[in-house]
Amino acid sequence: MRGSISTDLGIVTIDSEVIARYAGSVAVECFGIVGMAAVNVKDGLVRLLKKDSLTHGIHVEISDENRITLDFHVIVSYGVSISAVTDNLISNVKYKVNEFTGMPVDKINIYIEGVRVID
């Protein structure tokens, strides 16, 4: 899936993998987010992803009108307000992905897959 933007000089095409990688790097910088989660559907197991495989915890959809929908599977820190963390994640990702791609972010779905205690 790719998004395209027409400019005076031509067409810019952005792959969904690029958007996922950028959105993942923005997300892990947010307060309260431990990292992205990979869910094994067969076993129902959730595991924390390393920084080099952040895109496995993010699903990107780009509509025909170049509007982005993001699904995040995250693990949050123990003791933080989930609503505060998700509000922060949504506002940061929406702003930064829009600035990065030039395409509007329509919807961000956040799935809390686990809680971790941070030392």
PDB file of N, CA and C in Angstrom:
ATOM      1  N   MET A   1       0.837  -1.155   0.000  1.00  0.00           N
ATOM      2  CA  MET A   1       0.000   0.000   0.000  1.00  0.00           C
ATOM      3  C   MET A   1       0.895   1.235   0.000  1.00  0.00           C
ATOM      4  N   ARG A   2       0.568   2.162  -0.852  1.00  0.00           N
ATOM      5  CA  ARG A   2       1.385   3.360  -0.981  1.00  0.00           C
ATOM      6  C   ARG A   2       0.491   4.590  -1.064  1.00  0.00           C
ATOM      7  N   GLY A   3       1.012   5.683  -0.554  1.00  0.00           N
ATOM      8  CA  GLY A   3       0.330   6.961  -0.671  1.00  0.00           C
ATOM      9  C   GLY A   3       1.066   7.813  -1.680  1.00  0.00           C
ATOM     10  N   SER A   4       0.335   8.604  -2.432  1.00  0.00           N
ATOM     11  CA  SER A   4       0.944   9.453  -3.459  1.00  0.00           C
ATOM     12  C   SER A   4       0.527  10.901  -3.262  1.00  0.00           C
ATOM     13  N   ILE A   5       1.499  11.786  -3.445  1.00  0.00           N
ATOM     14  CA  ILE A   5       1.257  13.213  -3.342  1.00  0.00           C
ATOM     15  C   ILE A   5       1.757  13.866  -4.627  1.00  0.00           C
ATOM     16  N   SER A   6       0.906  14.659  -5.271  1.00  0.00           N
ATOM     17  CA  SER A   6       1.316  15.374  -6.478  1.00  0.00           C
ATOM     18  C   SER A   6       1.911  16.717  -6.097  1.00  0.00           C
ATOM     19  N   THR A   7       3.058  17.010  -6.685  1.00  0.00           N
ATOM     20  CA  THR A   7       3.696  18.313  -6.498  1.00  0.00           C
ATOM     21  C   THR A   7       3.919  18.935  -7.863  1.00  0.00           C
ATOM     22  N   ASP A   8       4.453  20.137  -7.873  1.00  0.00           N
ATOM     23  CA  ASP A   8       4.752  20.805  -9.143  1.00  0.00           C
ATOM     24  C   ASP A   8       5.835  20.070  -9.921  1.00  0.00           C
ATOM     25  N   LEU A   9       6.692  19.357  -9.208  1.00  0.00           N
ATOM     26  CA  LEU A   9       7.812  18.680  -9.850  1.00  0.00           C
ATOM     27  C   LEU A   9       7.532  17.226 -10.196  1.00  0.00           C
ATOM     28  N   GLY A  10       6.416  16.680  -9.720  1.00  0.00           N
ATOM     29  CA  GLY A  10       6.100  15.278 -10.003  1.00  0.00           C
ATOM     30  C   GLY A  10       5.290  14.658  -8.882  1.00  0.00           C
ATOM     31  N   ILE A  11       5.320  13.331  -8.829  1.00  0.00           N
ATOM     32  CA  ILE A  11       4.544  12.588  -7.832  1.00  0.00           C
ATOM     33  C   ILE A  11       5.491  11.960  -6.815  1.00  0.00           C
ATOM     34  N   VAL A  12       5.164  12.147  -5.538  1.00  0.00           N
ATOM     35  CA  VAL A  12       5.928  11.539  -4.449  1.00  0.00           C
ATOM     36  C   VAL A  12       5.109  10.360  -3.939  1.00  0.00           C
ATOM     37  N   THR A  13       5.730   9.178  -3.900  1.00  0.00           N
ATOM     38  CA  THR A  13       5.058   7.977  -3.421  1.00  0.00           C
ATOM     39  C   THR A  13       5.719   7.526  -2.129  1.00  0.00           C
ATOM     40  N   ILE A  14       4.887   7.291  -1.091  1.00  0.00           N
ATOM     41  CA  ILE A  14       5.395   6.885   0.214  1.00  0.00           C
ATOM     42  C   ILE A  14       4.832   5.506   0.538  1.00  0.00           C
ATOM     43  N   ASP A  15       5.700   4.552   0.829  1.00  0.00           N
ATOM     44  CA  ASP A  15       5.299   3.194   1.168  1.00  0.00           C
ATOM     45  C   ASP A  15       4.781   3.146   2.605  1.00  0.00           C
ATOM     46  N   SER A  16       3.833   2.268   2.876  1.00  0.00           N
ATOM     47  CA  SER A  16       3.264   2.157   4.215  1.00  0.00           C
ATOM     48  C   SER A  16       4.298   1.693   5.239  1.00  0.00           C
ATOM     49  N   GLU A  17       5.309   0.961   4.808  1.00  0.00           N
ATOM     50  CA  GLU A  17       6.381   0.514   5.706  1.00  0.00           C
ATOM     51  C   GLU A  17       7.170   1.708   6.245  1.00  0.00           C
ATOM     52  N   VAL A  18       7.383   2.717   5.422  1.00  0.00           N
ATOM     53  CA  VAL A  18       8.088   3.931   5.847  1.00  0.00           C
ATOM     54  C   VAL A  18       7.263   4.672   6.896  1.00  0.00           C
ATOM     55  N   ILE A  19       5.961   4.773   6.659  1.00  0.00           N
ATOM     56  CA  ILE A  19       5.077   5.444   7.605  1.00  0.00           C
ATOM     57  C   ILE A  19       5.048   4.679   8.923  1.00  0.00           C
ATOM     58  N   ALA A  20       4.990   3.351   8.852  1.00  0.00           N
ATOM     59  CA  ALA A  20       4.961   2.522  10.060  1.00  0.00           C
ATOM     60  C   ALA A  20       6.238   2.685  10.867  1.00  0.00           C
ATOM     61  N   ARG A  21       7.382   2.702  10.202  1.00  0.00           N
ATOM     62  CA  ARG A  21       8.651   2.855  10.908  1.00  0.00           C
ATOM     63  C   ARG A  21       8.733   4.226  11.589  1.00  0.00           C
ATOM     64  N   TYR A  22       8.324   5.268  10.897  1.00  0.00           N
ATOM     65  CA  TYR A  22       8.369   6.606  11.473  1.00  0.00           C
ATOM     66  C   TYR A  22       7.384   6.728  12.643  1.00  0.00           C
ATOM     67  N   ALA A  23       6.161   6.229  12.455  1.00  0.00           N
ATOM     68  CA  ALA A  23       5.153   6.288  13.514  1.00  0.00           C
ATOM     69  C   ALA A  23       5.611   5.496  14.738  1.00  0.00           C
ATOM     70  N   GLY A  24       6.281   4.375  14.527  1.00  0.00           N
ATOM     71  CA  GLY A  24       6.801   3.577  15.641  1.00  0.00           C
ATOM     72  C   GLY A  24       7.873   4.310  16.411  1.00  0.00           C
ATOM     73  N   SER A  25       8.747   5.003  15.703  1.00  0.00           N
ATOM     74  CA  SER A  25       9.803   5.750  16.386  1.00  0.00           C
ATOM     75  C   SER A  25       9.223   6.919  17.178  1.00  0.00           C
ATOM     76  N   VAL A  26       8.164   7.533  16.667  1.00  0.00           N
ATOM     77  CA  VAL A  26       7.495   8.608  17.396  1.00  0.00           C
ATOM     78  C   VAL A  26       6.790   8.038  18.630  1.00  0.00           C
ATOM     79  N   ALA A  27       6.153   6.885  18.474  1.00  0.00           N
ATOM     80  CA  ALA A  27       5.374   6.292  19.566  1.00  0.00           C
ATOM     81  C   ALA A  27       6.249   5.902  20.753  1.00  0.00           C
ATOM     82  N   VAL A  28       7.409   5.298  20.498  1.00  0.00           N
ATOM     83  CA  VAL A  28       8.239   4.844  21.617  1.00  0.00           C
ATOM     84  C   VAL A  28       8.878   6.010  22.370  1.00  0.00           C
ATOM     85  N   GLU A  29       8.854   7.204  21.793  1.00  0.00           N
ATOM     86  CA  GLU A  29       9.347   8.385  22.486  1.00  0.00           C
ATOM     87  C   GLU A  29       8.301   8.956  23.445  1.00  0.00           C
ATOM     88  N   CYS A  30       7.049   8.534  23.308  1.00  0.00           N
ATOM     89  CA  CYS A  30       5.969   9.057  24.150  1.00  0.00           C
ATOM     90  C   CYS A  30       6.078   8.504  25.566  1.00  0.00           C
ATOM     91  N   PHE A  31       5.751   9.348  26.542  1.00  0.00           N
ATOM     92  CA  PHE A  31       5.776   8.959  27.945  1.00  0.00           C
ATOM     93  C   PHE A  31       4.779   7.832  28.187  1.00  0.00           C
ATOM     94  N   GLY A  32       5.223   6.796  28.905  1.00  0.00           N
ATOM     95  CA  GLY A  32       4.343   5.703  29.286  1.00  0.00           C
ATOM     96  C   GLY A  32       4.322   4.532  28.328  1.00  0.00           C
ATOM     97  N   ILE A  33       4.901   4.702  27.148  1.00  0.00           N
ATOM     98  CA  ILE A  33       4.951   3.604  26.176  1.00  0.00           C
ATOM     99  C   ILE A  33       6.264   2.861  26.367  1.00  0.00           C
ATOM    100  N   VAL A  34       6.185   1.569  26.693  1.00  0.00           N
ATOM    101  CA  VAL A  34       7.385   0.747  26.846  1.00  0.00           C
ATOM    102  C   VAL A  34       7.892   0.329  25.479  1.00  0.00           C
ATOM    103  N   GLY A  35       6.969  -0.035  24.589  1.00  0.00           N
ATOM    104  CA  GLY A  35       7.350  -0.443  23.245  1.00  0.00           C
ATOM    105  C   GLY A  35       6.172  -1.017  22.496  1.00  0.00           C
ATOM    106  N   MET A  36       6.460  -1.480  21.286  1.00  0.00           N
ATOM    107  CA  MET A  36       5.439  -2.108  20.454  1.00  0.00           C
ATOM    108  C   MET A  36       5.323  -3.580  20.841  1.00  0.00           C
ATOM    109  N   ALA A  37       4.162  -4.140  20.580  1.00  0.00           N
ATOM    110  CA  ALA A  37       3.913  -5.533  20.941  1.00  0.00           C
ATOM    111  C   ALA A  37       3.595  -6.344  19.694  1.00  0.00           C
ATOM    112  N   ALA A  38       4.096  -7.565  19.667  1.00  0.00           N
ATOM    113  CA  ALA A  38       3.742  -8.517  18.618  1.00  0.00           C
ATOM    114  C   ALA A  38       2.846  -9.567  19.256  1.00  0.00           C
ATOM    115  N   VAL A  39       1.717  -9.818  18.632  1.00  0.00           N
ATOM    116  CA  VAL A  39       0.762 -10.774  19.178  1.00  0.00           C
ATOM    117  C   VAL A  39       0.801 -12.033  18.322  1.00  0.00           C
ATOM    118  N   ASN A  40       1.050 -13.164  18.973  1.00  0.00           N
ATOM    119  CA  ASN A  40       0.987 -14.442  18.291  1.00  0.00           C
ATOM    120  C   ASN A  40      -0.457 -14.924  18.390  1.00  0.00           C
ATOM    121  N   VAL A  41      -1.182 -14.860  17.286  1.00  0.00           N
ATOM    122  CA  VAL A  41      -2.604 -15.162  17.290  1.00  0.00           C
ATOM    123  C   VAL A  41      -2.851 -16.620  17.661  1.00  0.00           C
ATOM    124  N   LYS A  42      -1.994 -17.505  17.195  1.00  0.00           N
ATOM    125  CA  LYS A  42      -2.172 -18.933  17.455  1.00  0.00           C
ATOM    126  C   LYS A  42      -2.087 -19.246  18.946  1.00  0.00           C
ATOM    127  N   ASP A  43      -1.089 -18.706  19.611  1.00  0.00           N
ATOM    128  CA  ASP A  43      -0.871 -18.990  21.035  1.00  0.00           C
ATOM    129  C   ASP A  43      -1.492 -17.943  21.953  1.00  0.00           C
ATOM    130  N   GLY A  44      -1.811 -16.773  21.419  1.00  0.00           N
ATOM    131  CA  GLY A  44      -2.324 -15.698  22.243  1.00  0.00           C
ATOM    132  C   GLY A  44      -1.240 -15.026  23.072  1.00  0.00           C
ATOM    133  N   LEU A  45       0.016 -15.222  22.704  1.00  0.00           N
ATOM    134  CA  LEU A  45       1.129 -14.644  23.454  1.00  0.00           C
ATOM    135  C   LEU A  45       1.476 -13.259  22.922  1.00  0.00           C
ATOM    136  N   VAL A  46       1.875 -12.396  23.834  1.00  0.00           N
ATOM    137  CA  VAL A  46       2.297 -11.043  23.484  1.00  0.00           C
ATOM    138  C   VAL A  46       3.751 -10.908  23.872  1.00  0.00           C
ATOM    139  N   ARG A  47       4.572 -10.344  22.968  1.00  0.00           N
ATOM    140  CA  ARG A  47       5.965 -10.124  23.315  1.00  0.00           C
ATOM    141  C   ARG A  47       6.371  -8.719  22.913  1.00  0.00           C
ATOM    142  N   LEU A  48       7.295  -8.173  23.680  1.00  0.00           N
ATOM    143  CA  LEU A  48       7.818  -6.838  23.432  1.00  0.00           C
ATOM    144  C   LEU A  48       8.793  -6.900  22.262  1.00  0.00           C
ATOM    145  N   LEU A  49       8.616  -6.003  21.298  1.00  0.00           N
ATOM    146  CA  LEU A  49       9.485  -5.975  20.130  1.00  0.00           C
ATOM    147  C   LEU A  49      10.708  -5.110  20.391  1.00  0.00           C
ATOM    148  N   LYS A  50      11.819  -5.483  19.767  1.00  0.00           N
ATOM    149  CA  LYS A  50      13.032  -4.670  19.851  1.00  0.00           C
ATOM    150  C   LYS A  50      12.872  -3.455  18.950  1.00  0.00           C
ATOM    151  N   LYS A  51      13.718  -2.479  19.160  1.00  0.00           N
ATOM    152  CA  LYS A  51      13.615  -1.221  18.419  1.00  0.00           C
ATOM    153  C   LYS A  51      13.762  -1.396  16.905  1.00  0.00           C
ATOM    154  N   ASP A  52      14.494  -2.419  16.449  1.00  0.00           N
ATOM    155  CA  ASP A  52      14.675  -2.600  15.013  1.00  0.00           C
ATOM    156  C   ASP A  52      13.484  -3.284  14.344  1.00  0.00           C
ATOM    157  N   SER A  53      12.517  -3.778  15.112  1.00  0.00           N
ATOM    158  CA  SER A  53      11.341  -4.420  14.511  1.00  0.00           C
ATOM    159  C   SER A  53      10.046  -3.773  14.991  1.00  0.00           C
ATOM    160  N   LEU A  54      10.055  -2.443  15.101  1.00  0.00           N
ATOM    161  CA  LEU A  54       8.889  -1.708  15.577  1.00  0.00           C
ATOM    162  C   LEU A  54       7.692  -1.844  14.640  1.00  0.00           C
ATOM    163  N   THR A  55       7.939  -2.019  13.360  1.00  0.00           N
ATOM    164  CA  THR A  55       6.849  -2.006  12.395  1.00  0.00           C
ATOM    165  C   THR A  55       5.924  -3.205  12.530  1.00  0.00           C
ATOM    166  N   HIS A  56       6.350  -4.265  13.226  1.00  0.00           N
ATOM    167  CA  HIS A  56       5.476  -5.428  13.397  1.00  0.00           C
ATOM    168  C   HIS A  56       4.316  -5.129  14.332  1.00  0.00           C
ATOM    169  N   GLY A  57       4.431  -4.126  15.165  1.00  0.00           N
ATOM    170  CA  GLY A  57       3.360  -3.761  16.085  1.00  0.00           C
ATOM    171  C   GLY A  57       2.460  -2.665  15.547  1.00  0.00           C
ATOM    172  N   ILE A  58       2.647  -2.290  14.276  1.00  0.00           N
ATOM    173  CA  ILE A  58       1.886  -1.194  13.683  1.00  0.00           C
ATOM    174  C   ILE A  58       1.324  -1.639  12.336  1.00  0.00           C
ATOM    175  N   HIS A  59       0.053  -1.340  12.119  1.00  0.00           N
ATOM    176  CA  HIS A  59      -0.581  -1.619  10.835  1.00  0.00           C
ATOM    177  C   HIS A  59      -1.001  -0.277  10.228  1.00  0.00           C
ATOM    178  N   VAL A  60      -0.634  -0.058   8.971  1.00  0.00           N
ATOM    179  CA  VAL A  60      -0.931   1.199   8.288  1.00  0.00           C
ATOM    180  C   VAL A  60      -1.866   0.923   7.120  1.00  0.00           C
ATOM    181  N   GLU A  61      -2.915   1.715   7.025  1.00  0.00           N
ATOM    182  CA  GLU A  61      -3.804   1.675   5.864  1.00  0.00           C
ATOM    183  C   GLU A  61      -3.834   3.065   5.261  1.00  0.00           C
ATOM    184  N   ILE A  62      -3.729   3.120   3.936  1.00  0.00           N
ATOM    185  CA  ILE A  62      -3.802   4.390   3.228  1.00  0.00           C
ATOM    186  C   ILE A  62      -4.979   4.303   2.267  1.00  0.00           C
ATOM    187  N   SER A  63      -5.940   5.203   2.416  1.00  0.00           N
ATOM    188  CA  SER A  63      -7.135   5.178   1.573  1.00  0.00           C
ATOM    189  C   SER A  63      -6.808   5.726   0.186  1.00  0.00           C
ATOM    190  N   ASP A  64      -7.782   5.615  -0.704  1.00  0.00           N
ATOM    191  CA  ASP A  64      -7.609   6.147  -2.059  1.00  0.00           C
ATOM    192  C   ASP A  64      -7.464   7.663  -2.058  1.00  0.00           C
ATOM    193  N   GLU A  65      -7.976   8.308  -1.000  1.00  0.00           N
ATOM    194  CA  GLU A  65      -7.863   9.768  -0.882  1.00  0.00           C
ATOM    195  C   GLU A  65      -6.601  10.174  -0.122  1.00  0.00           C
ATOM    196  N   ASN A  66      -5.663   9.224   0.089  1.00  0.00           N
ATOM    197  CA  ASN A  66      -4.403   9.460   0.801  1.00  0.00           C
ATOM    198  C   ASN A  66      -4.627   9.867   2.254  1.00  0.00           C
ATOM    199  N   ARG A  67      -5.578   9.241   2.900  1.00  0.00           N
ATOM    200  CA  ARG A  67      -5.819   9.452   4.322  1.00  0.00           C
ATOM    201  C   ARG A  67      -5.317   8.219   5.058  1.00  0.00           C
ATOM    202  N   ILE A  68      -4.600   8.439   6.167  1.00  0.00           N
ATOM    203  CA  ILE A  68      -3.905   7.363   6.873  1.00  0.00           C
ATOM    204  C   ILE A  68      -4.712   6.896   8.080  1.00  0.00           C
ATOM    205  N   THR A  69      -4.769   5.578   8.260  1.00  0.00           N
ATOM    206  CA  THR A  69      -5.311   4.962   9.468  1.00  0.00           C
ATOM    207  C   THR A  69      -4.209   4.100  10.073  1.00  0.00           C
ATOM    208  N   LEU A  70      -3.928   4.283  11.359  1.00  0.00           N
ATOM    209  CA  LEU A  70      -2.863   3.554  12.042  1.00  0.00           C
ATOM    210  C   LEU A  70      -3.437   2.703  13.169  1.00  0.00           C
ATOM    211  N   ASP A  71      -2.958   1.473  13.278  1.00  0.00           N
ATOM    212  CA  ASP A  71      -3.279   0.592  14.397  1.00  0.00           C
ATOM    213  C   ASP A  71      -1.989   0.328  15.156  1.00  0.00           C
ATOM    214  N   PHE A  72      -1.971   0.657  16.453  1.00  0.00           N
ATOM    215  CA  PHE A  72      -0.815   0.433  17.310  1.00  0.00           C
ATOM    216  C   PHE A  72      -1.124  -0.675  18.304  1.00  0.00           C
ATOM    217  N   HIS A  73      -0.217  -1.622  18.451  1.00  0.00           N
ATOM    218  CA  HIS A  73      -0.273  -2.632  19.507  1.00  0.00           C
ATOM    219  C   HIS A  73       0.888  -2.310  20.441  1.00  0.00           C
ATOM    220  N   VAL A  74       0.563  -1.804  21.642  1.00  0.00           N
ATOM    221  CA  VAL A  74       1.600  -1.284  22.523  1.00  0.00           C
ATOM    222  C   VAL A  74       1.582  -1.956  23.884  1.00  0.00           C
ATOM    223  N   ILE A  75       2.706  -1.815  24.567  1.00  0.00           N
ATOM    224  CA  ILE A  75       2.846  -2.210  25.967  1.00  0.00           C
ATOM    225  C   ILE A  75       3.128  -0.927  26.737  1.00  0.00           C
ATOM    226  N   VAL A  76       2.368  -0.703  27.811  1.00  0.00           N
ATOM    227  CA  VAL A  76       2.497   0.534  28.579  1.00  0.00           C
ATOM    228  C   VAL A  76       3.194   0.275  29.914  1.00  0.00           C
ATOM    229  N   SER A  77       3.666   1.343  30.514  1.00  0.00           N
ATOM    230  CA  SER A  77       4.315   1.266  31.825  1.00  0.00           C
ATOM    231  C   SER A  77       3.278   1.075  32.912  1.00  0.00           C
ATOM    232  N   TYR A  78       3.662   0.336  33.945  1.00  0.00           N
ATOM    233  CA  TYR A  78       2.782   0.119  35.090  1.00  0.00           C
ATOM    234  C   TYR A  78       2.625   1.420  35.868  1.00  0.00           C
ATOM    235  N   GLY A  79       1.408   1.719  36.275  1.00  0.00           N
ATOM    236  CA  GLY A  79       1.157   2.863  37.139  1.00  0.00           C
ATOM    237  C   GLY A  79       0.850   4.165  36.432  1.00  0.00           C
ATOM    238  N   VAL A  80       0.857   4.181  35.113  1.00  0.00           N
ATOM    239  CA  VAL A  80       0.538   5.412  34.391  1.00  0.00           C
ATOM    240  C   VAL A  80      -0.940   5.405  34.006  1.00  0.00           C
ATOM    241  N   SER A  81      -1.480   6.571  33.771  1.00  0.00           N
ATOM    242  CA  SER A  81      -2.860   6.697  33.318  1.00  0.00           C
ATOM    243  C   SER A  81      -2.931   6.318  31.843  1.00  0.00           C
ATOM    244  N   ILE A  82      -3.674   5.278  31.547  1.00  0.00           N
ATOM    245  CA  ILE A  82      -3.756   4.805  30.157  1.00  0.00           C
ATOM    246  C   ILE A  82      -4.394   5.870  29.268  1.00  0.00           C
ATOM    247  N   SER A  83      -5.395   6.570  29.765  1.00  0.00           N
ATOM    248  CA  SER A  83      -6.026   7.604  28.939  1.00  0.00           C
ATOM    249  C   SER A  83      -5.059   8.751  28.641  1.00  0.00           C
ATOM    250  N   ALA A  84      -4.227   9.128  29.613  1.00  0.00           N
ATOM    251  CA  ALA A  84      -3.238  10.181  29.378  1.00  0.00           C
ATOM    252  C   ALA A  84      -2.184   9.736  28.378  1.00  0.00           C
ATOM    253  N   VAL A  85      -1.737   8.480  28.506  1.00  0.00           N
ATOM    254  CA  VAL A  85      -0.723   7.950  27.586  1.00  0.00           C
ATOM    255  C   VAL A  85      -1.285   7.881  26.166  1.00  0.00           C
ATOM    256  N   THR A  86      -2.513   7.389  26.022  1.00  0.00           N
ATOM    257  CA  THR A  86      -3.089   7.262  24.679  1.00  0.00           C
ATOM    258  C   THR A  86      -3.389   8.625  24.060  1.00  0.00           C
ATOM    259  N   ASP A  87      -3.854   9.581  24.859  1.00  0.00           N
ATOM    260  CA  ASP A  87      -4.075  10.936  24.332  1.00  0.00           C
ATOM    261  C   ASP A  87      -2.774  11.554  23.843  1.00  0.00           C
ATOM    262  N   ASN A  88      -1.701  11.370  24.613  1.00  0.00           N
ATOM    263  CA  ASN A  88      -0.388  11.872  24.226  1.00  0.00           C
ATOM    264  C   ASN A  88       0.105  11.188  22.949  1.00  0.00           C
ATOM    265  N   LEU A  89      -0.057   9.871  22.882  1.00  0.00           N
ATOM    266  CA  LEU A  89       0.360   9.108  21.702  1.00  0.00           C
ATOM    267  C   LEU A  89      -0.394   9.568  20.470  1.00  0.00           C
ATOM    268  N   ILE A  90      -1.701   9.708  20.584  1.00  0.00           N
ATOM    269  CA  ILE A  90      -2.513  10.114  19.434  1.00  0.00           C
ATOM    270  C   ILE A  90      -2.114  11.505  18.944  1.00  0.00           C
ATOM    271  N   SER A  91      -1.983  12.463  19.850  1.00  0.00           N
ATOM    272  CA  SER A  91      -1.656  13.825  19.420  1.00  0.00           C
ATOM    273  C   SER A  91      -0.262  13.907  18.807  1.00  0.00           C
ATOM    274  N   ASN A  92       0.735  13.257  19.424  1.00  0.00           N
ATOM    275  CA  ASN A  92       2.100  13.301  18.880  1.00  0.00           C
ATOM    276  C   ASN A  92       2.188  12.626  17.524  1.00  0.00           C
ATOM    277  N   VAL A  93       1.640  11.418  17.421  1.00  0.00           N
ATOM    278  CA  VAL A  93       1.734  10.675  16.162  1.00  0.00           C
ATOM    279  C   VAL A  93       0.961  11.381  15.064  1.00  0.00           C
ATOM    280  N   LYS A  94      -0.232  11.855  15.377  1.00  0.00           N
ATOM    281  CA  LYS A  94      -1.049  12.527  14.361  1.00  0.00           C
ATOM    282  C   LYS A  94      -0.316  13.747  13.797  1.00  0.00           C
ATOM    283  N   TYR A  95       0.237  14.560  14.683  1.00  0.00           N
ATOM    284  CA  TYR A  95       0.943  15.765  14.244  1.00  0.00           C
ATOM    285  C   TYR A  95       2.206  15.428  13.447  1.00  0.00           C
ATOM    286  N   LYS A  96       3.046  14.540  14.002  1.00  0.00           N
ATOM    287  CA  LYS A  96       4.341  14.279  13.373  1.00  0.00           C
ATOM    288  C   LYS A  96       4.220  13.488  12.072  1.00  0.00           C
ATOM    289  N   VAL A  97       3.298  12.537  11.993  1.00  0.00           N
ATOM    290  CA  VAL A  97       3.112  11.781  10.746  1.00  0.00           C
ATOM    291  C   VAL A  97       2.529  12.686   9.670  1.00  0.00           C
ATOM    292  N   ASN A  98       1.615  13.570  10.047  1.00  0.00           N
ATOM    293  CA  ASN A  98       1.069  14.526   9.088  1.00  0.00           C
ATOM    294  C   ASN A  98       2.156  15.443   8.554  1.00  0.00           C
ATOM    295  N   GLU A  99       3.018  15.948   9.432  1.00  0.00           N
ATOM    296  CA  GLU A  99       4.126  16.806   9.004  1.00  0.00           C
ATOM    297  C   GLU A  99       5.121  16.047   8.139  1.00  0.00           C
ATOM    298  N   PHE A 100       5.381  14.789   8.473  1.00  0.00           N
ATOM    299  CA  PHE A 100       6.367  13.972   7.768  1.00  0.00           C
ATOM    300  C   PHE A 100       5.893  13.597   6.363  1.00  0.00           C
ATOM    301  N   THR A 101       4.624  13.205   6.240  1.00  0.00           N
ATOM    302  CA  THR A 101       4.122  12.684   4.965  1.00  0.00           C
ATOM    303  C   THR A 101       3.356  13.712   4.151  1.00  0.00           C
ATOM    304  N   GLY A 102       2.751  14.683   4.816  1.00  0.00           N
ATOM    305  CA  GLY A 102       1.883  15.611   4.110  1.00  0.00           C
ATOM    306  C   GLY A 102       0.498  15.036   3.887  1.00  0.00           C
ATOM    307  N   MET A 103       0.224  13.860   4.451  1.00  0.00           N
ATOM    308  CA  MET A 103      -1.082  13.221   4.322  1.00  0.00           C
ATOM    309  C   MET A 103      -1.782  13.270   5.680  1.00  0.00           C
ATOM    310  N   PRO A 104      -3.078  13.545   5.702  1.00  0.00           N
ATOM    311  CA  PRO A 104      -3.784  13.624   6.985  1.00  0.00           C
ATOM    312  C   PRO A 104      -3.965  12.240   7.621  1.00  0.00           C
ATOM    313  N   VAL A 105      -3.894  12.212   8.944  1.00  0.00           N
ATOM    314  CA  VAL A 105      -4.135  10.981   9.698  1.00  0.00           C
ATOM    315  C   VAL A 105      -5.589  11.012  10.142  1.00  0.00           C
ATOM    316  N   ASP A 106      -6.379  10.093   9.605  1.00  0.00           N
ATOM    317  CA  ASP A 106      -7.808  10.041   9.913  1.00  0.00           C
ATOM    318  C   ASP A 106      -8.095   9.405  11.256  1.00  0.00           C
ATOM    319  N   LYS A 107      -7.464   8.259  11.505  1.00  0.00           N
ATOM    320  CA  LYS A 107      -7.818   7.492  12.688  1.00  0.00           C
ATOM    321  C   LYS A 107      -6.594   6.786  13.238  1.00  0.00           C
ATOM    322  N   ILE A 108      -6.499   6.753  14.569  1.00  0.00           N
ATOM    323  CA  ILE A 108      -5.448   5.995  15.245  1.00  0.00           C
ATOM    324  C   ILE A 108      -6.129   5.077  16.254  1.00  0.00           C
ATOM    325  N   ASN A 109      -5.973   3.775  16.060  1.00  0.00           N
ATOM    326  CA  ASN A 109      -6.509   2.779  16.981  1.00  0.00           C
ATOM    327  C   ASN A 109      -5.364   2.255  17.831  1.00  0.00           C
ATOM    328  N   ILE A 110      -5.561   2.240  19.153  1.00  0.00           N
ATOM    329  CA  ILE A 110      -4.508   1.782  20.061  1.00  0.00           C
ATOM    330  C   ILE A 110      -5.004   0.556  20.812  1.00  0.00           C
ATOM    331  N   TYR A 111      -4.242  -0.512  20.732  1.00  0.00           N
ATOM    332  CA  TYR A 111      -4.554  -1.753  21.440  1.00  0.00           C
ATOM    333  C   TYR A 111      -3.494  -1.949  22.508  1.00  0.00           C
ATOM    334  N   ILE A 112      -3.914  -1.889  23.770  1.00  0.00           N
ATOM    335  CA  ILE A 112      -2.990  -2.109  24.884  1.00  0.00           C
ATOM    336  C   ILE A 112      -2.850  -3.619  25.052  1.00  0.00           C
ATOM    337  N   GLU A 113      -1.666  -4.148  24.780  1.00  0.00           N
ATOM    338  CA  GLU A 113      -1.443  -5.582  24.804  1.00  0.00           C
ATOM    339  C   GLU A 113      -0.802  -6.063  26.107  1.00  0.00           C
ATOM    340  N   GLY A 114      -0.315  -5.127  26.911  1.00  0.00           N
ATOM    341  CA  GLY A 114       0.306  -5.540  28.165  1.00  0.00           C
ATOM    342  C   GLY A 114       0.785  -4.365  28.974  1.00  0.00           C
ATOM    343  N   VAL A 115       1.197  -4.679  30.196  1.00  0.00           N
ATOM    344  CA  VAL A 115       1.722  -3.683  31.135  1.00  0.00           C
ATOM    345  C   VAL A 115       3.045  -4.209  31.656  1.00  0.00           C
ATOM    346  N   ARG A 116       4.056  -3.349  31.732  1.00  0.00           N
ATOM    347  CA  ARG A 116       5.378  -3.726  32.248  1.00  0.00           C
ATOM    348  C   ARG A 116       5.802  -2.780  33.333  1.00  0.00           C
ATOM    349  N   VAL A 117       6.500  -3.333  34.322  1.00  0.00           N
ATOM    350  CA  VAL A 117       7.084  -2.517  35.374  1.00  0.00           C
ATOM    351  C   VAL A 117       8.450  -2.049  34.893  1.00  0.00           C
ATOM    352  N   ILE A 118       8.670  -0.758  34.986  1.00  0.00           N
ATOM    353  CA  ILE A 118       9.937  -0.170  34.540  1.00  0.00           C
ATOM    354  C   ILE A 118      10.762   0.180  35.780  1.00  0.00           C
ATOM    355  N   ASP A 119      12.040  -0.186  35.768  1.00  0.00           N
ATOM    356  CA  ASP A 119      12.933   0.110  36.898  1.00  0.00           C
ATOM    357  C   ASP A 119      13.357   1.553  36.903  1.00  0.00           C
TER     358      ASP A 119
END
